[in-house]
Every structure is written in C-alpha cells, then in structure tokens.
C-alpha cells in the first residue's frame, strides 16, 4: 500500500507535465494483492 501512496505524487507530476486538455479524464486502476491472514490496514 505504501508503494501506491508514494507513486501517486509522481503520477500527478507526469499528468500535469503532459499538458492534457482541461476536459481529459484519467482513470487509475490498482489491484490489491490477495493476502491471507494479514491486515491490509498497515
């Protein structure tokens, strides 16, 4: 989860620098790994 949180600022910078049109929409999909017996709250 931490790697996902750390990558969001970099992804935001890339999108800002891409000079996209104002009405462009971006969808990010993230699939959490299946972990048995561990809490995902960490």
PDB file of N, CA and C in Angstrom:
ATOM      1  N   UNK A   1       0.825  -1.189   0.000  1.00  0.00           N
ATOM      2  CA  UNK A   1       0.000   0.000   0.000  1.00  0.00           C
ATOM      3  C   UNK A   1       0.874   1.260   0.000  1.00  0.00           C
ATOM      4  N   UNK A   2       1.971   1.205   0.728  1.00  0.00           N
ATOM      5  CA  UNK A   2       2.838   2.375   0.818  1.00  0.00           C
ATOM      6  C   UNK A   2       3.427   2.727  -0.540  1.00  0.00           C
ATOM      7  N   UNK A   3       3.780   1.709  -1.338  1.00  0.00           N
ATOM      8  CA  UNK A   3       4.345   1.998  -2.659  1.00  0.00           C
ATOM      9  C   UNK A   3       3.329   2.720  -3.532  1.00  0.00           C
ATOM     10  N   UNK A   4       2.057   2.351  -3.392  1.00  0.00           N
ATOM     11  CA  UNK A   4       0.988   3.015  -4.141  1.00  0.00           C
ATOM     12  C   UNK A   4       0.884   4.477  -3.713  1.00  0.00           C
ATOM     13  N   UNK A   5       0.900   4.722  -2.417  1.00  0.00           N
ATOM     14  CA  UNK A   5       0.818   6.092  -1.907  1.00  0.00           C
ATOM     15  C   UNK A   5       2.027   6.917  -2.347  1.00  0.00           C
ATOM     16  N   UNK A   6       3.201   6.301  -2.368  1.00  0.00           N
ATOM     17  CA  UNK A   6       4.411   7.024  -2.770  1.00  0.00           C
ATOM     18  C   UNK A   6       4.433   7.321  -4.256  1.00  0.00           C
ATOM     19  N   UNK A   7       3.767   6.507  -5.068  1.00  0.00           N
ATOM     20  CA  UNK A   7       3.796   6.716  -6.517  1.00  0.00           C
ATOM     21  C   UNK A   7       2.775   7.756  -6.991  1.00  0.00           C
ATOM     22  N   UNK A   8       1.761   8.044  -6.198  1.00  0.00           N
ATOM     23  CA  UNK A   8       0.734   8.996  -6.622  1.00  0.00           C
ATOM     24  C   UNK A   8       1.275  10.396  -6.908  1.00  0.00           C
ATOM     25  N   UNK A   9       2.147  10.958  -6.072  1.00  0.00           N
ATOM     26  CA  UNK A   9       2.683  12.285  -6.404  1.00  0.00           C
ATOM     27  C   UNK A   9       3.457  12.284  -7.726  1.00  0.00           C
ATOM     28  N   UNK A  10       4.198  11.221  -7.993  1.00  0.00           N
ATOM     29  CA  UNK A  10       4.941  11.147  -9.248  1.00  0.00           C
ATOM     30  C   UNK A  10       3.984  11.055 -10.431  1.00  0.00           C
ATOM     31  N   UNK A  11       2.921  10.272 -10.291  1.00  0.00           N
ATOM     32  CA  UNK A  11       1.927  10.147 -11.362  1.00  0.00           C
ATOM     33  C   UNK A  11       1.244  11.488 -11.592  1.00  0.00           C
ATOM     34  N   UNK A  12       0.940  12.216 -10.540  1.00  0.00           N
ATOM     35  CA  UNK A  12       0.318  13.536 -10.680  1.00  0.00           C
ATOM     36  C   UNK A  12       1.244  14.485 -11.435  1.00  0.00           C
ATOM     37  N   UNK A  13       2.542  14.442 -11.141  1.00  0.00           N
ATOM     38  CA  UNK A  13       3.508  15.297 -11.844  1.00  0.00           C
ATOM     39  C   UNK A  13       3.543  14.953 -13.333  1.00  0.00           C
ATOM     40  N   UNK A  14       3.554  13.676 -13.652  1.00  0.00           N
ATOM     41  CA  UNK A  14       3.572  13.245 -15.056  1.00  0.00           C
ATOM     42  C   UNK A  14       2.338  13.762 -15.789  1.00  0.00           C
ATOM     43  N   UNK A  15       1.185  13.649 -15.146  1.00  0.00           N
ATOM     44  CA  UNK A  15      -0.060  14.100 -15.784  1.00  0.00           C
ATOM     45  C   UNK A  15      -0.083  15.619 -15.959  1.00  0.00           C
ATOM     46  N   UNK A  16       0.423  16.354 -14.966  1.00  0.00           N
ATOM     47  CA  UNK A  16       0.489  17.818 -15.098  1.00  0.00           C
ATOM     48  C   UNK A  16       1.424  18.215 -16.235  1.00  0.00           C
ATOM     49  N   UNK A  17       2.561  17.554 -16.321  1.00  0.00           N
ATOM     50  CA  UNK A  17       3.556  17.876 -17.349  1.00  0.00           C
ATOM     51  C   UNK A  17       3.116  17.443 -18.745  1.00  0.00           C
ATOM     52  N   UNK A  18       2.119  16.580 -18.846  1.00  0.00           N
ATOM     53  CA  UNK A  18       1.669  16.068 -20.143  1.00  0.00           C
ATOM     54  C   UNK A  18       0.873  17.107 -20.922  1.00  0.00           C
ATOM     55  N   UNK A  19       0.494  18.205 -20.281  1.00  0.00           N
ATOM     56  CA  UNK A  19      -0.255  19.279 -20.939  1.00  0.00           C
ATOM     57  C   UNK A  19      -1.535  18.745 -21.593  1.00  0.00           C
ATOM     58  N   UNK A  20      -2.311  18.002 -20.808  1.00  0.00           N
ATOM     59  CA  UNK A  20      -3.562  17.438 -21.297  1.00  0.00           C
ATOM     60  C   UNK A  20      -4.636  18.511 -21.388  1.00  0.00           C
ATOM     61  N   UNK A  21      -5.619  18.280 -22.233  1.00  0.00           N
ATOM     62  CA  UNK A  21      -6.746  19.205 -22.330  1.00  0.00           C
ATOM     63  C   UNK A  21      -7.480  19.236 -20.994  1.00  0.00           C
ATOM     64  N   UNK A  22      -8.139  20.345 -20.741  1.00  0.00           N
ATOM     65  CA  UNK A  22      -8.808  20.544 -19.462  1.00  0.00           C
ATOM     66  C   UNK A  22      -9.910  19.516 -19.202  1.00  0.00           C
ATOM     67  N   UNK A  23     -10.549  19.018 -20.244  1.00  0.00           N
ATOM     68  CA  UNK A  23     -11.654  18.072 -20.068  1.00  0.00           C
ATOM     69  C   UNK A  23     -11.208  16.609 -20.186  1.00  0.00           C
ATOM     70  N   UNK A  24      -9.895  16.357 -20.082  1.00  0.00           N
ATOM     71  CA  UNK A  24      -9.379  14.994 -20.141  1.00  0.00           C
ATOM     72  C   UNK A  24      -9.590  14.316 -18.799  1.00  0.00           C
ATOM     73  N   UNK A  25     -10.013  13.075 -18.847  1.00  0.00           N
ATOM     74  CA  UNK A  25     -10.206  12.277 -17.632  1.00  0.00           C
ATOM     75  C   UNK A  25      -9.198  11.140 -17.627  1.00  0.00           C
ATOM     76  N   UNK A  26      -8.666  10.841 -16.455  1.00  0.00           N
ATOM     77  CA  UNK A  26      -7.694   9.764 -16.307  1.00  0.00           C
ATOM     78  C   UNK A  26      -8.215   8.816 -15.241  1.00  0.00           C
ATOM     79  N   UNK A  27      -8.167   7.536 -15.541  1.00  0.00           N
ATOM     80  CA  UNK A  27      -8.604   6.508 -14.595  1.00  0.00           C
ATOM     81  C   UNK A  27      -7.407   5.653 -14.235  1.00  0.00           C
ATOM     82  N   UNK A  28      -7.141   5.559 -12.957  1.00  0.00           N
ATOM     83  CA  UNK A  28      -6.068   4.694 -12.468  1.00  0.00           C
ATOM     84  C   UNK A  28      -6.704   3.491 -11.791  1.00  0.00           C
ATOM     85  N   UNK A  29      -6.236   2.317 -12.143  1.00  0.00           N
ATOM     86  CA  UNK A  29      -6.766   1.085 -11.548  1.00  0.00           C
ATOM     87  C   UNK A  29      -5.650   0.438 -10.753  1.00  0.00           C
ATOM     88  N   UNK A  30      -5.956   0.077  -9.548  1.00  0.00           N
ATOM     89  CA  UNK A  30      -4.971  -0.566  -8.695  1.00  0.00           C
ATOM     90  C   UNK A  30      -5.593  -1.813  -8.109  1.00  0.00           C
ATOM     91  N   UNK A  31      -4.946  -2.934  -8.283  1.00  0.00           N
ATOM     92  CA  UNK A  31      -5.449  -4.200  -7.754  1.00  0.00           C
ATOM     93  C   UNK A  31      -4.620  -4.568  -6.535  1.00  0.00           C
ATOM     94  N   UNK A  32      -5.269  -4.644  -5.392  1.00  0.00           N
ATOM     95  CA  UNK A  32      -4.582  -5.030  -4.168  1.00  0.00           C
ATOM     96  C   UNK A  32      -4.257  -6.521  -4.221  1.00  0.00           C
ATOM     97  N   UNK A  33      -3.098  -6.903  -3.725  1.00  0.00           N
ATOM     98  CA  UNK A  33      -2.753  -8.321  -3.716  1.00  0.00           C
ATOM     99  C   UNK A  33      -3.625  -9.080  -2.721  1.00  0.00           C
ATOM    100  N   UNK A  34      -3.869 -10.331  -3.031  1.00  0.00           N
ATOM    101  CA  UNK A  34      -4.629 -11.169  -2.105  1.00  0.00           C
ATOM    102  C   UNK A  34      -3.668 -11.692  -1.053  1.00  0.00           C
ATOM    103  N   UNK A  35      -3.919 -11.331   0.188  1.00  0.00           N
ATOM    104  CA  UNK A  35      -3.060 -11.752   1.284  1.00  0.00           C
ATOM    105  C   UNK A  35      -3.942 -12.408   2.338  1.00  0.00           C
ATOM    106  N   UNK A  36      -3.673 -13.639   2.628  1.00  0.00           N
ATOM    107  CA  UNK A  36      -4.482 -14.329   3.648  1.00  0.00           C
ATOM    108  C   UNK A  36      -3.859 -14.165   5.018  1.00  0.00           C
ATOM    109  N   UNK A  37      -4.706 -13.885   5.986  1.00  0.00           N
ATOM    110  CA  UNK A  37      -4.259 -13.809   7.374  1.00  0.00           C
ATOM    111  C   UNK A  37      -3.513 -12.553   7.749  1.00  0.00           C
ATOM    112  N   UNK A  38      -3.430 -11.574   6.886  1.00  0.00           N
ATOM    113  CA  UNK A  38      -2.747 -10.332   7.213  1.00  0.00           C
ATOM    114  C   UNK A  38      -3.716  -9.167   7.077  1.00  0.00           C
ATOM    115  N   UNK A  39      -3.547  -8.191   7.926  1.00  0.00           N
ATOM    116  CA  UNK A  39      -4.369  -6.988   7.868  1.00  0.00           C
ATOM    117  C   UNK A  39      -3.846  -6.052   6.783  1.00  0.00           C
ATOM    118  N   UNK A  40      -4.723  -5.473   6.010  1.00  0.00           N
ATOM    119  CA  UNK A  40      -4.322  -4.520   4.967  1.00  0.00           C
ATOM    120  C   UNK A  40      -4.298  -3.090   5.503  1.00  0.00           C
ATOM    121  N   UNK A  41      -4.523  -2.914   6.810  1.00  0.00           N
ATOM    122  CA  UNK A  41      -4.571  -1.571   7.398  1.00  0.00           C
ATOM    123  C   UNK A  41      -3.188  -0.989   7.648  1.00  0.00           C
ATOM    124  N   UNK A  42      -2.137  -1.725   7.432  1.00  0.00           N
ATOM    125  CA  UNK A  42      -0.784  -1.264   7.753  1.00  0.00           C
ATOM    126  C   UNK A  42      -0.267  -0.307   6.759  1.00  0.00           C
TER     127      UNK A  42
END
